[in-house]
């Protein structure tokens, strides 16, 4: 039996994935950013506000781009793509600055430790690499979509951790790993089911993403990284 779907079906799948990723971001940062006036939370610096605004714009752009392709509006998609590369660069810069600022703030005051800085640096490196490769393969739609989806999955790591803590409470370690893996596996399964082929970009990129994040407690807690991280936050 032929289970291959029409292109529109594949486009709708990526749109649904985009919305699901966006919902996680909104839930994860609802208290600390989007709905902060209704909660007693620590004030945000200008840098953290800029970081939140930039990442929000990226999420919105990701959804718009997925929806524009699903609607067959390729010219609009390409037009937004040019600005998307610049926005991705700004997102990387503001996220890195926010991570450094959070380490300087300290865990006691709601910041992050040196080990979490390692995770942020790795995610930013992967995010930038996936976006860059996605732009390079913009004329090959399937490869382009895979890289951009991987970039978005890499970007939601901190949001997943916060969303899980908000819904299920604290104490769940590395909760972002199974959620990110679930998104990658869902895309792989859908590709196999509809096209009867293995998407090697999604597979290799997903394995790299999960594997590097799984090393956070080993590499991020090592004496070597503590020296590197301490140098970065000076």
Protein backbone atom coordinates (compact mmCIF):
# COMPACT_ATOMS: atom_id res chain seq x y z
CA UNK A 1 0.00 0.00 0.00
CA UNK A 2 1.30 3.44 -0.89
CA UNK A 3 1.47 5.62 2.21
CA UNK A 4 3.23 8.56 0.60
CA UNK A 5 1.40 11.78 1.40
CA UNK A 6 1.01 14.88 -0.66
CA UNK A 7 3.47 17.76 -0.11
CA UNK A 8 0.75 19.70 1.68
CA UNK A 9 0.56 16.98 4.33
CA UNK A 10 4.28 17.23 5.03
CA UNK A 11 4.01 21.00 5.22
CA UNK A 12 1.19 20.77 7.75
CA UNK A 13 3.27 18.42 9.86
CA UNK A 14 6.10 20.95 10.10
CA UNK A 15 3.58 23.66 10.94
CA UNK A 16 2.24 21.56 13.81
CA UNK A 17 5.79 20.95 15.01
CA UNK A 18 6.46 24.70 14.92
CA UNK A 19 3.35 25.44 16.98
CA UNK A 20 4.20 22.72 19.51
CA UNK A 21 7.71 24.12 19.96
CA UNK A 22 6.30 27.65 20.33
CA UNK A 23 3.82 26.52 23.00
CA UNK A 24 6.66 25.00 25.04
CA UNK A 25 8.56 28.29 24.89
CA UNK A 26 5.52 30.27 26.05
CA UNK A 27 4.82 27.85 28.93
CA UNK A 28 8.46 27.65 29.96
CA UNK A 29 8.98 31.39 30.17
CA UNK A 30 5.42 32.35 31.16
CA UNK A 31 6.27 33.27 34.76
CA UNK A 32 9.70 34.76 34.22
CA UNK A 33 8.96 36.73 31.04
CA UNK A 34 5.57 36.69 29.30
CA UNK A 35 3.33 36.89 32.39
CA UNK A 36 5.82 38.30 34.86
CA UNK A 37 3.58 41.25 35.96
CA UNK A 38 1.24 38.68 37.56
CA UNK A 39 3.97 36.89 39.51
CA UNK A 40 6.50 37.83 42.15
CA UNK A 41 9.75 37.31 40.26
CA UNK A 42 13.12 39.00 40.29
CA UNK A 43 13.42 42.05 38.01
CA UNK A 44 15.07 41.57 34.63
CA UNK A 45 17.97 43.61 33.37
CA UNK A 46 17.88 45.33 29.99
CA UNK A 47 20.09 42.58 28.57
CA UNK A 48 17.69 39.84 29.70
CA UNK A 49 14.71 41.76 28.30
CA UNK A 50 16.53 42.06 24.97
CA UNK A 51 17.34 38.35 25.03
CA UNK A 52 13.72 37.44 25.71
CA UNK A 53 12.39 39.75 23.02
CA UNK A 54 14.86 38.49 20.41
CA UNK A 55 14.13 34.81 21.09
CA UNK A 56 10.40 35.56 21.01
CA UNK A 57 10.79 37.12 17.58
CA UNK A 58 12.71 34.05 16.44
CA UNK A 59 9.93 31.72 17.60
CA UNK A 60 7.31 33.87 15.88
CA UNK A 61 9.37 33.90 12.69
CA UNK A 62 9.77 30.12 12.83
CA UNK A 63 6.01 29.64 13.03
CA UNK A 64 5.38 32.19 10.26
CA UNK A 65 7.95 30.54 8.02
CA UNK A 66 6.46 27.09 8.53
CA UNK A 67 2.97 28.45 7.89
CA UNK A 68 4.02 30.36 4.77
CA UNK A 69 5.42 27.19 3.19
CA UNK A 70 2.30 25.24 4.16
CA UNK A 71 0.24 27.92 2.40
CA UNK A 72 2.44 27.76 -0.70
CA UNK A 73 3.75 31.29 -0.24
CA UNK A 74 7.38 30.54 -1.12
CA UNK A 75 8.28 34.11 -2.09
CA UNK A 76 7.16 35.38 1.30
CA UNK A 77 9.11 32.59 2.96
CA UNK A 78 12.28 33.54 1.11
CA UNK A 79 11.82 37.23 1.91
CA UNK A 80 11.55 36.55 5.63
CA UNK A 81 14.48 34.14 5.42
CA UNK A 82 16.92 36.95 4.65
CA UNK A 83 15.97 38.78 7.83
CA UNK A 84 15.87 35.49 9.71
CA UNK A 85 19.62 34.99 9.32
CA UNK A 86 20.28 38.41 10.84
CA UNK A 87 17.78 37.70 13.63
CA UNK A 88 19.49 34.39 14.38
CA UNK A 89 22.83 36.18 14.74
CA UNK A 90 21.28 38.70 17.14
CA UNK A 91 19.63 35.84 19.07
CA UNK A 92 23.00 34.12 19.49
CA UNK A 93 24.66 37.31 20.72
CA UNK A 94 21.91 38.21 23.19
CA UNK A 95 21.61 34.63 24.48
CA UNK A 96 25.34 34.39 25.07
CA UNK A 97 25.33 37.74 26.87
CA UNK A 98 22.35 36.63 28.97
CA UNK A 99 24.09 33.37 29.90
CA UNK A 100 27.22 35.22 31.03
CA UNK A 101 25.08 37.66 33.00
CA UNK A 102 23.21 34.78 34.68
CA UNK A 103 26.47 33.14 35.77
CA UNK A 104 27.68 36.41 37.25
CA UNK A 105 24.37 36.74 39.08
CA UNK A 106 24.89 33.40 40.80
CA UNK A 107 22.63 30.43 41.52
CA UNK A 108 21.57 31.87 44.86
CA UNK A 109 19.98 34.87 43.12
CA UNK A 110 18.31 32.88 40.33
CA UNK A 111 21.25 32.66 37.96
CA UNK A 112 23.02 29.61 36.59
CA UNK A 113 26.20 27.72 37.40
CA UNK A 114 29.28 27.14 35.28
CA UNK A 115 27.96 23.72 34.22
CA UNK A 116 24.82 25.30 32.78
CA UNK A 117 27.00 27.80 30.93
CA UNK A 118 28.59 24.86 29.12
CA UNK A 119 25.15 23.68 28.04
CA UNK A 120 24.27 27.15 26.79
CA UNK A 121 27.49 27.48 24.80
CA UNK A 122 26.97 24.07 23.19
CA UNK A 123 23.34 24.85 22.33
CA UNK A 124 24.29 28.21 20.83
CA UNK A 125 27.01 26.56 18.75
CA UNK A 126 24.58 23.93 17.47
CA UNK A 127 21.84 26.50 16.89
CA UNK A 128 24.15 28.73 14.85
CA UNK A 129 25.52 25.76 12.91
CA UNK A 130 22.06 24.41 12.07
CA UNK A 131 20.80 27.83 10.99
CA UNK A 132 23.90 28.39 8.87
CA UNK A 133 23.56 25.00 7.21
CA UNK A 134 19.86 25.58 6.71
CA UNK A 135 20.63 28.82 4.91
CA UNK A 136 23.32 27.14 2.83
CA UNK A 137 20.86 24.44 1.70
CA UNK A 138 17.93 26.81 1.18
CA UNK A 139 17.55 25.58 -2.42
CA UNK A 140 17.09 21.99 -1.22
CA UNK A 141 13.81 22.17 0.74
CA UNK A 142 13.96 18.84 2.60
CA UNK A 143 17.49 19.44 3.89
CA UNK A 144 16.68 23.07 4.65
CA UNK A 145 13.61 22.12 6.71
CA UNK A 146 15.52 19.49 8.64
CA UNK A 147 18.30 21.89 9.65
CA UNK A 148 15.89 24.65 10.65
CA UNK A 149 13.82 22.23 12.72
CA UNK A 150 16.97 21.04 14.47
CA UNK A 151 17.92 24.66 15.16
CA UNK A 152 14.56 25.29 16.80
CA UNK A 153 14.75 22.10 18.86
CA UNK A 154 18.20 23.15 20.06
CA UNK A 155 16.85 26.56 21.04
CA UNK A 156 14.05 25.28 23.28
CA UNK A 157 16.24 23.41 25.78
CA UNK A 158 15.97 25.99 28.59
CA UNK A 159 12.25 26.46 27.91
CA UNK A 160 11.63 22.71 28.21
CA UNK A 161 13.41 22.56 31.57
CA UNK A 162 11.29 25.40 32.93
CA UNK A 163 8.06 24.06 31.44
CA UNK A 164 8.59 20.63 33.00
CA UNK A 165 9.43 22.19 36.37
CA UNK A 166 6.31 24.36 36.18
CA UNK A 167 4.00 21.46 35.32
CA UNK A 168 5.53 18.58 37.29
CA UNK A 169 7.55 20.39 39.93
CA UNK A 170 11.28 20.58 40.58
CA UNK A 171 13.57 17.58 40.85
CA UNK A 172 13.40 16.13 37.33
CA UNK A 173 16.97 16.09 36.08
CA UNK A 174 17.80 16.69 32.42
CA UNK A 175 14.10 16.82 31.54
CA UNK A 176 14.86 18.56 28.25
CA UNK A 177 16.63 15.51 26.80
CA UNK A 178 13.60 13.20 26.36
CA UNK A 179 11.45 16.07 25.08
CA UNK A 180 14.01 17.13 22.48
CA UNK A 181 14.54 13.48 21.54
CA UNK A 182 10.77 13.05 21.14
CA UNK A 183 10.62 15.90 18.62
CA UNK A 184 13.51 14.47 16.63
CA UNK A 185 12.04 10.95 16.68
CA UNK A 186 8.61 12.27 15.68
CA UNK A 187 10.09 13.99 12.63
CA UNK A 188 12.14 10.90 11.74
CA UNK A 189 9.12 8.62 12.06
CA UNK A 190 6.93 10.93 9.98
CA UNK A 191 9.56 11.10 7.26
CA UNK A 192 9.90 7.32 7.20
CA UNK A 193 6.14 6.75 7.23
CA UNK A 194 5.37 9.19 4.43
CA UNK A 195 8.46 8.90 2.21
CA UNK A 196 9.86 5.48 3.12
CA UNK A 197 13.30 6.91 3.67
CA UNK A 198 15.52 7.79 6.60
CA UNK A 199 16.29 11.50 6.93
CA UNK A 200 20.00 11.40 7.65
CA UNK A 201 20.18 15.11 8.43
CA UNK A 202 17.58 14.75 11.17
CA UNK A 203 19.15 11.54 12.45
CA UNK A 204 22.75 12.75 12.61
CA UNK A 205 21.81 16.22 13.81
CA UNK A 206 19.45 14.85 16.43
CA UNK A 207 22.03 12.38 17.76
CA UNK A 208 24.61 15.17 17.94
CA UNK A 209 22.18 17.44 19.76
CA UNK A 210 21.15 14.87 22.37
CA UNK A 211 24.67 13.48 22.82
CA UNK A 212 26.24 16.86 23.46
CA UNK A 213 23.53 17.78 25.95
CA UNK A 214 23.95 14.45 27.73
CA UNK A 215 27.58 15.39 28.43
CA UNK A 216 26.62 18.48 30.42
CA UNK A 217 27.15 16.97 33.86
CA UNK A 218 30.41 15.29 32.80
CA UNK A 219 32.08 18.01 30.76
CA UNK A 220 30.25 20.95 32.32
CA UNK A 221 31.31 19.87 35.80
CA UNK A 222 34.92 19.14 34.93
CA UNK A 223 37.83 21.15 36.27
CA UNK A 224 38.87 22.00 32.71
CA UNK A 225 35.49 23.54 31.89
CA UNK A 226 35.40 25.43 35.19
CA UNK A 227 38.62 27.14 34.13
CA UNK A 228 37.28 27.90 30.67
CA UNK A 229 33.89 29.04 32.00
CA UNK A 230 35.51 31.24 34.64
CA UNK A 231 37.61 32.86 31.95
CA UNK A 232 34.52 33.51 29.82
CA UNK A 233 32.64 35.31 32.60
CA UNK A 234 35.54 37.53 33.63
